[in-house]
Amino acid sequence: MNLRIAPRVKANLLRAAKLSGRSLTDFVLASAIASAEDVLATRTTFALSPKSWRKFHELLDSPPREIPALKRLLREKSVFDMR
């Protein structure tokens, strides 16, 4: 893969790669892979058998289960609110 990039962009990539302890190629490739996975994760479909699809819908339609620890947590003051 050949890329034409501005010298300032390349300098930023080189600096970031160096700070992360990677070669420029490894840094750019890892960043590109992570970005591609993020994009694909939001656009991926999944297929279910009719039985699994019914079960999936049952679970979506069922009331949420009660989690006492979560209820307590949500009643507590947030660490961001404490001064």
C-alpha atoms as a PDB file:
ATOM      1  CA  MET A   1       0.000   0.000   0.000  1.00  0.00           C
ATOM      2  CA  ASN A   2       1.399   3.365  -0.960  1.00  0.00           C
ATOM      3  CA  LEU A   3       0.153   6.514   0.692  1.00  0.00           C
ATOM      4  CA  ARG A   4       0.728  10.104  -0.248  1.00  0.00           C
ATOM      5  CA  ILE A   5       0.584  12.179   2.898  1.00  0.00           C
ATOM      6  CA  ALA A   6       1.718  15.627   3.899  1.00  0.00           C
ATOM      7  CA  PRO A   7       5.073  15.790   5.700  1.00  0.00           C
ATOM      8  CA  ARG A   8       3.377  17.112   8.862  1.00  0.00           C
ATOM      9  CA  VAL A   9       0.977  14.165   8.911  1.00  0.00           C
ATOM     10  CA  LYS A  10       3.846  11.717   8.439  1.00  0.00           C
ATOM     11  CA  ALA A  11       5.791  13.415  11.243  1.00  0.00           C
ATOM     12  CA  ASN A  12       2.794  13.037  13.574  1.00  0.00           C
ATOM     13  CA  LEU A  13       2.430   9.368  12.660  1.00  0.00           C
ATOM     14  CA  LEU A  14       6.151   8.761  13.181  1.00  0.00           C
ATOM     15  CA  ARG A  15       6.043  10.474  16.574  1.00  0.00           C
ATOM     16  CA  ALA A  16       2.987   8.515  17.682  1.00  0.00           C
ATOM     17  CA  ALA A  17       4.544   5.264  16.483  1.00  0.00           C
ATOM     18  CA  LYS A  18       7.748   6.003  18.363  1.00  0.00           C
ATOM     19  CA  LEU A  19       5.877   6.906  21.551  1.00  0.00           C
ATOM     20  CA  SER A  20       3.952   3.643  21.364  1.00  0.00           C
ATOM     21  CA  GLY A  21       7.124   1.635  20.769  1.00  0.00           C
ATOM     22  CA  ARG A  22       6.146   0.491  17.284  1.00  0.00           C
ATOM     23  CA  SER A  23       7.445   0.905  13.800  1.00  0.00           C
ATOM     24  CA  LEU A  24       5.533   3.280  11.552  1.00  0.00           C
ATOM     25  CA  THR A  25       4.198   0.323   9.545  1.00  0.00           C
ATOM     26  CA  ASP A  26       3.009  -1.519  12.666  1.00  0.00           C
ATOM     27  CA  PHE A  27       1.429   1.623  14.083  1.00  0.00           C
ATOM     28  CA  VAL A  28      -0.424   2.555  10.905  1.00  0.00           C
ATOM     29  CA  LEU A  29      -1.525  -1.039  10.253  1.00  0.00           C
ATOM     30  CA  ALA A  30      -2.804  -1.542  13.822  1.00  0.00           C
ATOM     31  CA  SER A  31      -4.652   1.778  13.679  1.00  0.00           C
ATOM     32  CA  ALA A  32      -6.186   0.931  10.315  1.00  0.00           C
ATOM     33  CA  ILE A  33      -7.247  -2.534  11.501  1.00  0.00           C
ATOM     34  CA  ALA A  34      -8.862  -1.107  14.656  1.00  0.00           C
ATOM     35  CA  SER A  35     -10.716   1.489  12.612  1.00  0.00           C
ATOM     36  CA  ALA A  36     -11.886  -1.121  10.100  1.00  0.00           C
ATOM     37  CA  GLU A  37     -13.129  -3.381  12.900  1.00  0.00           C
ATOM     38  CA  ASP A  38     -15.079  -0.481  14.442  1.00  0.00           C
ATOM     39  CA  VAL A  39     -16.750   0.303  11.128  1.00  0.00           C
ATOM     40  CA  LEU A  40     -17.525  -3.339  10.396  1.00  0.00           C
ATOM     41  CA  ALA A  41     -18.861  -3.997  13.893  1.00  0.00           C
ATOM     42  CA  THR A  42     -21.603  -1.426  13.405  1.00  0.00           C
ATOM     43  CA  ARG A  43     -22.565  -2.785  10.007  1.00  0.00           C
ATOM     44  CA  THR A  44     -22.465  -6.515  10.580  1.00  0.00           C
ATOM     45  CA  THR A  45     -25.587  -8.620  10.411  1.00  0.00           C
ATOM     46  CA  PHE A  46     -26.199 -11.930  12.054  1.00  0.00           C
ATOM     47  CA  ALA A  47     -28.470 -14.762  11.101  1.00  0.00           C
ATOM     48  CA  LEU A  48     -30.483 -16.928  13.465  1.00  0.00           C
ATOM     49  CA  SER A  49     -32.487 -20.063  12.984  1.00  0.00           C
ATOM     50  CA  PRO A  50     -36.245 -19.599  13.356  1.00  0.00           C
ATOM     51  CA  LYS A  51     -36.088 -21.169  16.835  1.00  0.00           C
ATOM     52  CA  SER A  52     -33.216 -18.914  17.927  1.00  0.00           C
ATOM     53  CA  TRP A  53     -34.976 -15.882  16.438  1.00  0.00           C
ATOM     54  CA  ARG A  54     -38.109 -16.611  18.513  1.00  0.00           C
ATOM     55  CA  LYS A  55     -35.985 -17.010  21.643  1.00  0.00           C
ATOM     56  CA  PHE A  56     -34.175 -13.752  20.862  1.00  0.00           C
ATOM     57  CA  HIS A  57     -37.515 -11.945  20.547  1.00  0.00           C
ATOM     58  CA  GLU A  58     -38.781 -13.510  23.773  1.00  0.00           C
ATOM     59  CA  LEU A  59     -35.733 -12.205  25.598  1.00  0.00           C
ATOM     60  CA  LEU A  60     -36.124  -8.732  24.106  1.00  0.00           C
ATOM     61  CA  ASP A  61     -39.801  -8.624  25.070  1.00  0.00           C
ATOM     62  CA  SER A  62     -39.355  -9.994  28.581  1.00  0.00           C
ATOM     63  CA  PRO A  63     -39.176  -7.591  31.523  1.00  0.00           C
ATOM     64  CA  PRO A  64     -35.698  -6.752  32.733  1.00  0.00           C
ATOM     65  CA  ARG A  65     -34.437  -8.816  35.618  1.00  0.00           C
ATOM     66  CA  GLU A  66     -33.915  -7.062  38.903  1.00  0.00           C
ATOM     67  CA  ILE A  67     -30.317  -6.636  40.027  1.00  0.00           C
ATOM     68  CA  PRO A  68     -30.213  -5.348  43.627  1.00  0.00           C
ATOM     69  CA  ALA A  69     -26.546  -4.348  43.455  1.00  0.00           C
ATOM     70  CA  LEU A  70     -27.247  -2.251  40.355  1.00  0.00           C
ATOM     71  CA  LYS A  71     -30.214  -0.569  42.069  1.00  0.00           C
ATOM     72  CA  ARG A  72     -27.987   0.335  45.035  1.00  0.00           C
ATOM     73  CA  LEU A  73     -25.278   1.632  42.750  1.00  0.00           C
ATOM     74  CA  LEU A  74     -27.681   3.880  40.872  1.00  0.00           C
ATOM     75  CA  ARG A  75     -29.028   5.330  44.138  1.00  0.00           C
ATOM     76  CA  GLU A  76     -25.532   6.287  45.345  1.00  0.00           C
ATOM     77  CA  LYS A  77     -24.075   9.692  44.697  1.00  0.00           C
ATOM     78  CA  SER A  78     -21.732   9.669  41.707  1.00  0.00           C
ATOM     79  CA  VAL A  79     -18.007  10.139  42.312  1.00  0.00           C
ATOM     80  CA  PHE A  80     -18.284  12.997  39.839  1.00  0.00           C
ATOM     81  CA  ASP A  81     -20.845  14.724  42.061  1.00  0.00           C
ATOM     82  CA  MET A  82     -18.767  14.459  45.245  1.00  0.00           C
ATOM     83  CA  ARG A  83     -16.732  17.485  46.233  1.00  0.00           C
END
